[in-house]
Structures are given as structure tokens and as C-alpha cells.
Protein backbone atom coordinates (compact mmCIF):
# COMPACT_ATOMS: atom_id res chain seq x y z
CA UNK A 1 166.62 91.19 105.09
CA UNK A 2 165.34 90.83 108.67
CA UNK A 3 161.62 90.23 109.04
CA UNK A 4 159.14 89.04 111.63
CA UNK A 5 155.95 87.14 110.96
CA UNK A 6 152.88 87.24 113.20
CA UNK A 7 149.91 84.89 113.16
CA UNK A 8 146.58 86.39 112.18
CA UNK A 9 144.49 88.02 114.88
CA UNK A 10 141.23 86.17 115.52
CA UNK A 11 137.91 87.96 115.68
CA UNK A 12 138.07 90.16 118.74
CA UNK A 13 136.14 92.72 120.74
CA UNK A 14 139.26 94.44 122.05
CA UNK A 15 139.34 98.19 121.79
CA UNK A 16 142.00 100.30 120.14
CA UNK A 17 145.66 100.73 120.94
CA UNK A 18 146.48 100.59 124.64
CA UNK A 19 149.93 102.16 124.82
CA UNK A 20 150.79 105.78 124.17
CA UNK A 21 153.06 104.83 121.27
CA UNK A 22 150.38 102.57 119.76
CA UNK A 23 147.94 105.48 119.97
CA UNK A 24 150.52 107.75 118.31
CA UNK A 25 150.66 105.27 115.42
CA UNK A 26 146.87 105.45 115.04
CA UNK A 27 146.97 109.25 115.13
CA UNK A 28 149.46 109.23 112.26
CA UNK A 29 147.07 106.97 110.34
CA UNK A 30 144.11 109.24 111.03
CA UNK A 31 146.06 112.38 110.13
CA UNK A 32 147.09 110.79 106.82
CA UNK A 33 143.56 109.75 105.77
CA UNK A 34 141.64 111.94 103.36
CA UNK A 35 138.32 110.35 104.33
CA UNK A 36 137.22 108.92 107.67
CA UNK A 37 134.80 106.37 106.16
CA UNK A 38 137.53 103.88 105.13
CA UNK A 39 139.04 104.21 108.60
CA UNK A 40 135.76 103.24 110.23
CA UNK A 41 135.45 100.23 107.93
CA UNK A 42 139.11 99.37 108.48
CA UNK A 43 138.64 99.37 112.24
CA UNK A 44 135.66 97.03 111.81
CA UNK A 45 137.69 94.73 109.55
CA UNK A 46 140.57 94.71 112.03
CA UNK A 47 138.24 93.42 114.72
CA UNK A 48 136.47 90.97 112.40
CA UNK A 49 139.53 88.72 111.99
CA UNK A 50 139.71 89.06 108.20
CA UNK A 51 143.35 90.18 108.09
CA UNK A 52 145.81 87.36 107.42
CA UNK A 53 149.27 86.82 108.98
CA UNK A 54 151.29 90.04 109.14
CA UNK A 55 154.88 90.34 107.97
CA UNK A 56 156.93 93.21 109.38
CA UNK A 57 160.22 94.15 107.72
CA UNK A 58 162.30 97.35 107.49
CA UNK A 59 160.07 100.03 106.00
CA UNK A 60 157.14 97.72 105.23
CA UNK A 61 154.17 95.91 106.78
CA UNK A 62 152.20 93.49 104.60
CA UNK A 63 149.23 91.12 104.83
CA UNK A 64 146.31 89.81 102.82
CA UNK A 65 142.80 90.92 103.73
CA UNK A 66 139.69 88.85 103.03
CA UNK A 67 136.76 90.94 101.81
CA UNK A 68 133.67 88.86 100.97
CA UNK A 69 134.80 86.48 98.19
CA UNK A 70 138.01 88.35 97.32
CA UNK A 71 141.45 88.42 98.89
CA UNK A 72 143.45 91.62 98.56
CA UNK A 73 147.15 92.14 99.12
CA UNK A 74 147.88 95.27 101.13
CA UNK A 75 150.92 96.95 102.63
CA UNK A 76 151.87 100.05 104.58
CA UNK A 77 155.27 101.64 104.01
CA UNK A 78 157.16 103.63 106.64
CA UNK A 79 160.37 105.64 106.04
CA UNK A 80 163.49 103.97 107.44
CA UNK A 81 165.94 105.93 109.55
CA UNK A 82 169.28 106.71 107.96
CA UNK A 83 172.51 105.25 109.37
CA UNK A 84 173.33 108.68 110.81
CA UNK A 85 169.94 108.89 112.52
CA UNK A 86 170.38 105.40 113.94
CA UNK A 87 173.75 106.37 115.43
CA UNK A 88 172.21 109.40 117.13
CA UNK A 89 169.26 107.35 118.40
CA UNK A 90 171.46 104.56 119.80
CA UNK A 91 173.67 107.15 121.50
CA UNK A 92 170.57 108.41 123.34
CA UNK A 93 169.47 104.89 124.32
CA UNK A 94 172.95 103.91 125.52
CA UNK A 95 173.25 107.11 127.58
CA UNK A 96 170.69 105.81 130.12
CA UNK A 97 170.67 102.23 131.35
CA UNK A 98 166.98 102.54 132.17
CA UNK A 99 166.12 103.04 128.51
CA UNK A 100 167.63 99.69 127.58
CA UNK A 101 165.86 97.92 130.43
CA UNK A 102 162.56 99.57 129.50
CA UNK A 103 162.78 98.48 125.86
CA UNK A 104 163.56 94.93 126.90
CA UNK A 105 160.53 95.07 129.19
CA UNK A 106 158.34 96.00 126.19
CA UNK A 107 158.08 99.66 127.15
CA UNK A 108 158.82 102.75 125.06
CA UNK A 109 159.72 105.57 127.49
CA UNK A 110 158.37 108.97 126.49
CA UNK A 111 161.59 110.64 127.52
CA UNK A 112 163.53 108.38 125.14
CA UNK A 113 161.34 109.44 122.22
CA UNK A 114 161.63 113.10 123.23
CA UNK A 115 165.39 112.76 123.62
CA UNK A 116 165.61 111.21 120.16
CA UNK A 117 163.55 114.05 118.71
CA UNK A 118 165.91 116.55 120.35
CA UNK A 119 168.70 114.79 118.45
CA UNK A 120 166.78 115.18 115.19
CA UNK A 121 165.45 111.60 115.07
CA UNK A 122 161.67 111.21 114.78
CA UNK A 123 160.95 107.67 115.85
CA UNK A 124 157.16 107.69 115.78
CA UNK A 125 155.49 108.35 112.41
CA UNK A 126 153.76 111.65 111.69
CA UNK A 127 151.52 113.07 108.99
CA UNK A 128 152.39 111.58 105.63
CA UNK A 129 154.80 108.96 106.99
CA UNK A 130 152.42 106.04 106.49
CA UNK A 131 152.06 105.17 102.80
CA UNK A 132 149.33 102.55 102.17
CA UNK A 133 149.20 100.32 99.12
CA UNK A 134 146.52 97.81 98.08
CA UNK A 135 145.49 95.99 94.91
CA UNK A 136 141.79 96.59 95.56
CA UNK A 137 139.83 98.86 93.16
CA UNK A 138 139.20 101.46 95.85
CA UNK A 139 140.67 104.94 95.30
CA UNK A 140 140.79 106.02 98.95
CA UNK A 141 144.13 106.22 100.74
CA UNK A 142 144.20 104.37 102.97
CA UNK A 143 141.52 101.99 101.75
CA UNK A 144 139.64 99.88 104.29
CA UNK A 145 142.05 96.98 103.79
CA UNK A 146 145.20 99.01 104.45
CA UNK A 147 143.45 100.70 107.38
CA UNK A 148 142.58 97.30 108.88
CA UNK A 149 146.22 96.26 108.61
CA UNK A 150 147.42 99.51 110.18
CA UNK A 151 145.00 99.18 113.10
CA UNK A 152 146.26 95.67 113.81
CA UNK A 153 149.87 96.88 113.65
CA UNK A 154 149.07 99.22 116.55
CA UNK A 155 148.23 96.09 118.55
CA UNK A 156 151.60 94.59 117.63
CA UNK A 157 153.29 97.80 118.76
CA UNK A 158 151.41 97.62 122.07
CA UNK A 159 152.92 94.19 122.69
CA UNK A 160 156.47 94.91 121.51
CA UNK A 161 158.02 98.32 120.69
CA UNK A 162 160.83 96.51 118.86
CA UNK A 163 158.30 96.11 116.04
CA UNK A 164 158.48 99.89 115.52
CA UNK A 165 162.27 99.81 115.57
CA UNK A 166 162.25 97.03 112.97
CA UNK A 167 159.95 99.11 110.79
CA UNK A 168 162.40 101.97 111.09
CA UNK A 169 165.18 99.74 109.80
CA UNK A 170 166.88 97.76 112.58
CA UNK A 171 166.11 94.28 113.85
CA UNK A 172 166.19 93.53 117.56
CA UNK A 173 169.32 91.38 117.48
CA UNK A 174 171.22 93.98 115.48
CA UNK A 175 170.11 96.75 117.84
CA UNK A 176 171.15 94.87 120.96
CA UNK A 177 174.54 94.04 119.45
CA UNK A 178 175.10 97.72 118.66
CA UNK A 179 174.01 98.72 122.16
CA UNK A 180 176.42 96.22 123.71
CA UNK A 181 179.21 97.88 121.75
CA UNK A 182 178.15 101.35 122.85
CA UNK A 183 177.13 101.02 126.47
CA UNK A 184 179.57 100.94 129.36
CA UNK A 185 177.16 98.75 131.32
CA UNK A 186 176.41 95.68 129.18
CA UNK A 187 175.15 93.90 132.30
CA UNK A 188 171.75 95.57 131.68
CA UNK A 189 171.34 93.53 128.51
CA UNK A 190 173.25 90.39 129.40
CA UNK A 191 171.49 89.68 132.72
CA UNK A 192 168.08 89.57 131.07
CA UNK A 193 166.54 86.35 129.74
CA UNK A 194 166.92 85.84 126.02
CA UNK A 195 164.06 87.16 123.93
CA UNK A 196 162.84 85.09 120.96
CA UNK A 197 165.19 85.54 118.01
CA UNK A 198 163.90 87.22 114.88
CA UNK A 199 162.97 84.77 112.14
CA UNK A 200 164.00 85.19 108.53
CA UNK A 201 161.44 85.93 105.85
CA UNK A 202 161.23 82.20 105.08
CA UNK A 203 160.55 81.17 108.65
CA UNK A 204 156.95 80.27 109.64
CA UNK A 205 155.03 82.79 111.70
CA UNK A 206 155.89 83.22 115.36
CA UNK A 207 153.99 84.12 118.52
CA UNK A 208 151.46 86.90 118.84
CA UNK A 209 150.31 88.20 122.19
CA UNK A 210 150.77 90.75 124.92
CA UNK A 211 154.08 89.12 125.91
CA UNK A 212 156.00 86.21 124.39
CA UNK A 213 154.97 82.85 125.84
CA UNK A 214 158.57 82.15 126.89
CA UNK A 215 158.38 84.98 129.44
CA UNK A 216 157.46 84.89 133.07
CA UNK A 217 156.49 88.56 133.31
CA UNK A 218 157.03 88.85 137.05
CA UNK A 219 160.45 87.24 136.84
CA UNK A 220 161.30 89.44 133.86
CA UNK A 221 160.45 92.60 135.78
CA UNK A 222 162.50 91.48 138.77
CA UNK A 223 165.50 90.82 136.52
CA UNK A 224 165.08 94.19 134.81
CA UNK A 225 164.94 96.00 138.15
CA UNK A 226 167.99 94.11 139.41
CA UNK A 227 169.90 94.86 136.22
CA UNK A 228 168.97 98.54 136.40
CA UNK A 229 170.13 98.75 140.04
CA UNK A 230 173.47 97.16 139.14
CA UNK A 231 173.83 99.49 136.16
CA UNK A 232 173.21 102.55 138.33
CA UNK A 233 175.75 101.26 140.87
CA UNK A 234 178.34 100.75 138.16
CA UNK A 235 177.74 104.21 136.74
CA UNK A 236 178.03 105.69 140.22
CA UNK A 237 181.47 104.15 140.63
CA UNK A 238 182.82 105.83 137.46
């Protein structure tokens, strides 16, 4: 099973999610909660640096959360897309070269999400899609520990939308291989610098940040723009 590990966030004063898709994740969390009090505590815990390393795998996010003298194991489950839904989604991505370039530039275009929804594929979670689980004695769903984990996941989504796609059931390498097979302009993918490969569940944690440390963001953007221009030229010749 494909999984990614992320080092624990330190104590931080950063605010909430910064991207529109990260904010959509938080809205799904808020819409699912029966009580706002655990959410407020969870947000505080998320910023306090008490959540351990996060493991993201298809349909599941997991971490331990330190609460005074006790450590709790918590997880949030998300429904995976079916194989049929993945085919429809990848068809929409492959239909526009700009969508591929945007994803590789850590962007989730709104029109891609809308296009997927038009095809019957809901990429972003909605009410009831986030299912928290925790071994703490609290009865609230989500409890403060699961809420803290979910808030931090929105920060991961801000940095890399492929985290959401992994949660929905496909790892980055698998997705890019499928897109290469579908698209008529593989140059969009192949001209870009290699992104860090996904580790297995037994691999130590990897980077955490706004962009991977291997990237020169300015050079990345220039390569994406060049690739997109070449893709448009190729499509115009067909």
C-alpha cells in the first residue's frame, strides 16, 4: 500500500488553511462536527505542536496526539474513489495540459474540481465524508485529538494537493504513470523536474513544508510555463 509520512509540525502561530482546497477540507470538518468546542480545542492543539508525525495512505490519515501525560492514537478516514471514478477524473485531467502542469506546480485548479464534479466525481470531501477515530475516552466526534490532526492535514493539502489524491486512493507515481498513458502530450509531465518519490509505509518520514526542499520554485514555474506552451503548440498542430 502506498503511503507518505510527514514529520511533526512544531509549535506554530500560523493561521488556518491558505488555499481554497485546504479551506474546503476544513469546512467539511466543521460541517461534520456535532459540537464546536472540540474543534476549538483541536485548532489549539494543532498549533501547539502536540501532534506527532502524520501518515497519509489511501482512505486514512493517522497520528498520535500528546495530551498532558497521555498519548492517544487518532485517525481520520476518507472514502476512496472507485476505479470507475478514477478513470473519469483522469480523463478530465488529461483533457487539458494546463491541469497537469498546475497539479505538478502544487495547485488544484477550481475548474478541474468542477469538471470532475460534472463527471460525477467529488474530489473534495463534503458533509459526513470525514470519519474520525480516536482511542481517547471522549465521546465527541471529532474529538479534540482527531480535530487537531484534521487541521494539520489542511496544512499538508496547502503544500501539496497530491496528498488529497493519495487520500482518495491513488499515489502520485501511479497517477502520473496513468496520465502519461492517457495524454497525447506527455511532454508536460516529462519536461518537469522529478518530484520526490513516495516512500513506502516502512520508510522514515520525509519533508514537510510549503514546497519540497529539492525545488527551486522559480525554475519550476518557468519549466511549467514552457511545458504548457509546448503542449498548447502540439495540440494546435493536431
